[in-house]
Amino acid sequence: MEPIETLLAQIYLFAIVVLLSKPYVHAHVHRAFRFLTALFVVYFFVRVFAGSLSVHSWSLFALQGATLLLILFYAIKQEFKDLLILIGVKSGLLVSNAIEDDVKDELLHSVNYLSRHKIGALITFERSDSLDEYIKHSFVIDAPLTSELLSSIFIPNTPLHDGAVIIKENVIKSAGAYFPSSDHAKVPKYLGSRHRAAIGISEKTDSFTIVVSEQTGEISVAIEGYLDQDISKESLILYLERYLQN
């Protein structure tokens, strides 16, 4: 087996381990599998047919192969990103909406406040996939993210406290956004509407969502179809650094 074949086979096996170790949808793993499958097809197509070609034919074949690879990359570039994330490449390198340090501090201060006071919250960050459709159907704010503003939105009995806040390019773009609730069979029945909405939007986009429970004050995060419940403040910082910072 060639080295490239060995590498791809090892990534496949690693992806299977990741798939079995997480209880929810694993959208990034499935997309990475699709990318690897397409890569295998192109690789073996080149390997099988290149050996019998003349120098002139090989040049033409190489040009056609390069064109095919370019088309393939643009068709499944999200799968390529997911593959890099799967094998440990920092996702922030591929995300345009990276969070700035001062915004991260404001966010953490707000989440800590909401958690201590058991105020339910749903905070979603746009990454590579656009959330404009959800912004358009919510209340547009378009204001800098501050701890005071973010916390005040979720105060009970205020007009926007039930929906999600959407943050894009370090700005609070909108509040009162509603996401499709996950109906995946493996999602625990005890989860409330906020947590299901967080999983739901993470199944459809590569967004990153923070959830604060109004019953317990517990902090959870949803990313790539996976919900990590009751995490510590330190774990939240690690999540932000992994998914939202370069």
Protein backbone atom coordinates (compact mmCIF):
# COMPACT_ATOMS: atom_id res chain seq x y z
CA MET A 1 0.00 0.00 0.00
CA GLU A 2 1.30 3.45 -0.96
CA PRO A 3 1.94 6.04 1.81
CA ILE A 4 -0.99 8.19 0.67
CA GLU A 5 -3.28 5.17 0.81
CA THR A 6 -2.04 4.32 4.29
CA LEU A 7 -2.65 7.89 5.48
CA LEU A 8 -6.19 8.01 4.10
CA ALA A 9 -6.97 4.59 5.59
CA GLN A 10 -5.72 5.77 9.00
CA ILE A 11 -7.88 8.90 8.82
CA TYR A 12 -10.88 6.70 7.97
CA LEU A 13 -10.24 4.56 11.05
CA PHE A 14 -9.79 7.66 13.22
CA ALA A 15 -13.07 9.08 11.88
CA ILE A 16 -14.85 5.84 12.82
CA VAL A 17 -13.53 6.15 16.39
CA VAL A 18 -14.76 9.76 16.58
CA LEU A 19 -18.12 8.74 15.13
CA LEU A 20 -18.60 6.06 17.76
CA SER A 21 -17.43 8.25 20.65
CA LYS A 22 -20.02 11.03 20.23
CA PRO A 23 -23.72 10.53 20.89
CA TYR A 24 -25.34 12.91 18.42
CA VAL A 25 -25.23 13.68 14.70
CA HIS A 26 -21.52 13.96 13.88
CA ALA A 27 -22.16 16.10 10.79
CA HIS A 28 -18.50 17.00 10.43
CA VAL A 29 -17.51 13.32 10.47
CA HIS A 30 -20.04 12.39 7.80
CA ARG A 31 -18.91 15.26 5.58
CA ALA A 32 -15.27 14.29 6.12
CA PHE A 33 -16.13 10.75 5.02
CA ARG A 34 -17.65 12.14 1.81
CA PHE A 35 -14.53 14.17 1.13
CA LEU A 36 -12.26 11.17 1.71
CA THR A 37 -14.39 9.01 -0.55
CA ALA A 38 -14.17 11.57 -3.34
CA LEU A 39 -10.43 11.85 -2.79
CA PHE A 40 -10.04 8.08 -3.03
CA VAL A 41 -11.96 8.01 -6.31
CA VAL A 42 -9.78 10.72 -7.88
CA TYR A 43 -6.57 9.15 -6.57
CA PHE A 44 -7.28 5.65 -7.89
CA PHE A 45 -8.59 7.03 -11.20
CA VAL A 46 -5.25 8.77 -11.73
CA ARG A 47 -3.27 5.73 -10.57
CA VAL A 48 -5.08 3.24 -12.81
CA PHE A 49 -5.08 5.24 -16.02
CA ALA A 50 -1.85 7.23 -15.80
CA GLY A 51 0.46 4.26 -16.26
CA SER A 52 -0.67 3.52 -19.82
CA LEU A 53 -0.49 7.09 -21.12
CA SER A 54 2.20 8.62 -23.30
CA VAL A 55 4.06 11.79 -22.28
CA HIS A 56 1.77 13.97 -24.43
CA SER A 57 -1.36 12.21 -23.21
CA TRP A 58 -0.11 12.39 -19.64
CA SER A 59 0.21 16.20 -19.88
CA LEU A 60 -3.36 16.48 -21.11
CA PHE A 61 -4.52 14.03 -18.47
CA ALA A 62 -2.74 15.99 -15.74
CA LEU A 63 -4.49 19.19 -16.86
CA GLN A 64 -7.86 17.45 -16.84
CA GLY A 65 -7.08 15.95 -13.44
CA ALA A 66 -6.14 19.35 -12.00
CA THR A 67 -9.41 20.79 -13.33
CA LEU A 68 -11.34 17.92 -11.76
CA LEU A 69 -9.64 18.46 -8.42
CA LEU A 70 -10.43 22.19 -8.52
CA ILE A 71 -14.08 21.50 -9.24
CA LEU A 72 -14.09 18.84 -6.53
CA PHE A 73 -12.62 21.22 -3.96
CA TYR A 74 -15.17 23.97 -4.60
CA ALA A 75 -18.00 21.43 -4.59
CA ILE A 76 -17.06 19.98 -1.20
CA LYS A 77 -14.86 22.63 0.41
CA GLN A 78 -16.89 22.41 3.63
CA GLU A 79 -16.08 18.71 3.74
CA PHE A 80 -12.39 19.62 3.32
CA LYS A 81 -12.63 22.00 6.28
CA ASP A 82 -14.32 19.31 8.35
CA LEU A 83 -11.60 16.84 7.45
CA LEU A 84 -8.92 19.25 8.69
CA ILE A 85 -10.85 19.80 11.91
CA LEU A 86 -11.24 16.03 12.29
CA ILE A 87 -7.48 15.44 12.12
CA GLY A 88 -6.73 18.28 14.52
CA VAL A 89 -6.07 21.37 12.36
CA LYS A 90 -7.29 24.43 14.27
CA SER A 91 -10.61 25.46 12.77
CA GLY A 92 -10.07 29.15 13.44
CA LEU A 93 -7.61 29.22 10.55
CA LEU A 94 -10.54 28.56 8.23
CA VAL A 95 -13.09 30.84 9.86
CA SER A 96 -13.53 34.48 8.89
CA ASN A 97 -15.67 35.43 11.90
CA ALA A 98 -12.99 34.88 14.56
CA ILE A 99 -13.69 36.42 17.95
CA GLU A 100 -11.46 39.20 19.24
CA ASP A 101 -9.94 39.06 22.73
CA ASP A 102 -11.89 42.00 24.14
CA VAL A 103 -15.14 40.60 22.74
CA LYS A 104 -14.32 37.20 24.25
CA ASP A 105 -13.85 38.84 27.67
CA GLU A 106 -17.21 40.60 27.38
CA LEU A 107 -18.86 37.35 26.33
CA LEU A 108 -17.39 35.37 29.22
CA HIS A 109 -18.43 38.04 31.71
CA SER A 110 -21.99 37.90 30.39
CA VAL A 111 -22.18 34.10 30.34
CA ASN A 112 -20.87 33.95 33.91
CA TYR A 113 -23.51 36.46 35.01
CA LEU A 114 -26.31 34.58 33.26
CA SER A 115 -25.12 31.28 34.71
CA ARG A 116 -24.88 32.59 38.29
CA HIS A 117 -28.38 34.06 38.14
CA LYS A 118 -29.89 31.08 36.27
CA ILE A 119 -31.04 33.21 33.35
CA GLY A 120 -31.68 31.12 30.24
CA ALA A 121 -29.72 32.15 27.16
CA LEU A 122 -29.00 31.02 23.61
CA ILE A 123 -25.98 32.69 21.96
CA THR A 124 -24.96 31.67 18.43
CA PHE A 125 -21.82 32.69 16.56
CA GLU A 126 -21.77 32.68 12.78
CA ARG A 127 -18.65 30.99 11.42
CA SER A 128 -18.27 30.07 7.74
CA ASP A 129 -21.91 29.24 6.98
CA SER A 130 -24.16 32.29 6.68
CA LEU A 131 -26.91 32.86 9.25
CA ASP A 132 -28.42 35.78 7.32
CA GLU A 133 -31.69 33.92 6.79
CA TYR A 134 -32.20 33.68 10.56
CA ILE A 135 -31.02 37.25 11.12
CA LYS A 136 -33.51 38.50 8.56
CA HIS A 137 -36.41 36.93 10.45
CA SER A 138 -35.36 38.20 13.88
CA PHE A 139 -34.97 41.59 15.55
CA VAL A 140 -31.91 43.32 14.06
CA ILE A 141 -29.68 45.03 16.65
CA ASP A 142 -26.32 45.49 14.85
CA ALA A 143 -24.47 46.71 17.95
CA PRO A 144 -21.04 45.98 19.49
CA LEU A 145 -21.02 43.06 21.89
CA THR A 146 -20.86 44.22 25.49
CA SER A 147 -21.58 42.21 28.60
CA GLU A 148 -24.33 44.60 29.68
CA LEU A 149 -26.18 44.50 26.35
CA LEU A 150 -25.89 40.75 25.90
CA SER A 151 -27.05 40.01 29.44
CA SER A 152 -29.96 42.44 29.30
CA ILE A 153 -31.42 40.76 26.20
CA PHE A 154 -32.07 37.55 28.15
CA ILE A 155 -33.65 39.10 31.25
CA PRO A 156 -36.93 37.21 31.82
CA ASN A 157 -40.19 38.76 30.58
CA THR A 158 -38.42 41.08 28.13
CA PRO A 159 -39.56 40.90 24.47
CA LEU A 160 -36.48 39.09 23.12
CA HIS A 161 -35.43 36.79 25.96
CA ASP A 162 -36.87 33.59 24.46
CA GLY A 163 -35.00 33.59 21.14
CA ALA A 164 -31.34 33.36 20.22
CA VAL A 165 -28.79 36.14 19.89
CA ILE A 166 -26.76 35.87 16.68
CA ILE A 167 -23.21 37.25 16.72
CA LYS A 168 -21.37 37.92 13.48
CA GLU A 169 -17.92 39.47 13.10
CA ASN A 170 -17.87 40.45 16.80
CA VAL A 171 -21.17 42.31 16.53
CA ILE A 172 -24.58 41.40 17.96
CA LYS A 173 -26.49 41.24 14.68
CA SER A 174 -29.88 40.24 16.01
CA ALA A 175 -31.90 38.86 18.90
CA GLY A 176 -35.10 36.85 19.14
CA ALA A 177 -33.95 34.44 16.42
CA TYR A 178 -35.63 31.04 16.22
CA PHE A 179 -33.83 27.94 14.98
CA PRO A 180 -35.17 24.58 13.85
CA SER A 181 -35.35 22.19 16.77
CA SER A 182 -33.42 18.96 16.47
CA ASP A 183 -35.60 15.88 16.18
CA HIS A 184 -32.70 13.42 16.15
CA ALA A 185 -33.60 10.20 17.92
CA LYS A 186 -30.48 10.24 20.09
CA VAL A 187 -31.19 13.66 21.60
CA PRO A 188 -32.26 13.05 25.24
CA LYS A 189 -35.95 13.67 25.92
CA TYR A 190 -35.22 15.79 28.99
CA LEU A 191 -33.55 18.57 26.98
CA GLY A 192 -35.54 21.77 26.67
CA SER A 193 -36.31 23.94 23.65
CA ARG A 194 -33.11 26.02 23.91
CA HIS A 195 -30.84 23.00 23.89
CA ARG A 196 -32.77 21.38 21.03
CA ALA A 197 -32.59 24.60 19.03
CA ALA A 198 -28.84 24.79 19.68
CA ILE A 199 -28.35 21.25 18.37
CA GLY A 200 -30.71 21.98 15.47
CA ILE A 201 -28.76 24.98 14.15
CA SER A 202 -25.47 23.12 14.62
CA GLU A 203 -26.82 20.29 12.45
CA LYS A 204 -27.61 22.68 9.61
CA THR A 205 -24.62 25.06 9.82
CA ASP A 206 -21.09 25.19 11.24
CA SER A 207 -22.18 27.79 13.81
CA PHE A 208 -21.05 27.70 17.44
CA THR A 209 -23.74 28.05 20.12
CA ILE A 210 -23.60 28.62 23.87
CA VAL A 211 -26.61 27.63 25.98
CA VAL A 212 -27.31 28.65 29.57
CA SER A 213 -29.98 26.65 31.37
CA GLU A 214 -32.58 28.64 33.28
CA GLN A 215 -33.29 25.67 35.57
CA THR A 216 -29.71 24.94 36.68
CA GLY A 217 -27.50 27.71 35.30
CA GLU A 218 -25.41 25.04 33.57
CA ILE A 219 -23.44 26.08 30.49
CA SER A 220 -23.48 23.91 27.37
CA VAL A 221 -22.11 24.32 23.85
CA ALA A 222 -23.40 22.97 20.54
CA ILE A 223 -21.10 22.49 17.57
CA GLU A 224 -21.31 20.21 14.52
CA GLY A 225 -24.41 18.42 15.77
CA TYR A 226 -22.89 17.68 19.17
CA LEU A 227 -24.03 19.09 22.53
CA ASP A 228 -21.49 19.19 25.37
CA GLN A 229 -23.47 19.73 28.56
CA ASP A 230 -22.59 21.28 31.90
CA ILE A 231 -19.09 22.44 31.00
CA SER A 232 -16.78 24.48 33.22
CA LYS A 233 -15.75 28.07 32.56
CA GLU A 234 -12.30 26.77 31.62
CA SER A 235 -13.80 24.36 29.09
CA LEU A 236 -15.81 27.18 27.55
CA ILE A 237 -12.62 29.18 27.04
CA LEU A 238 -11.02 26.19 25.33
CA TYR A 239 -14.04 25.84 23.03
CA LEU A 240 -13.83 29.53 22.11
CA GLU A 241 -10.13 29.23 21.36
CA ARG A 242 -10.65 26.12 19.25
CA TYR A 243 -13.63 27.22 17.19
CA LEU A 244 -13.67 31.03 17.24
CA GLN A 245 -10.09 32.24 17.55
CA ASN A 246 -7.19 32.14 15.12
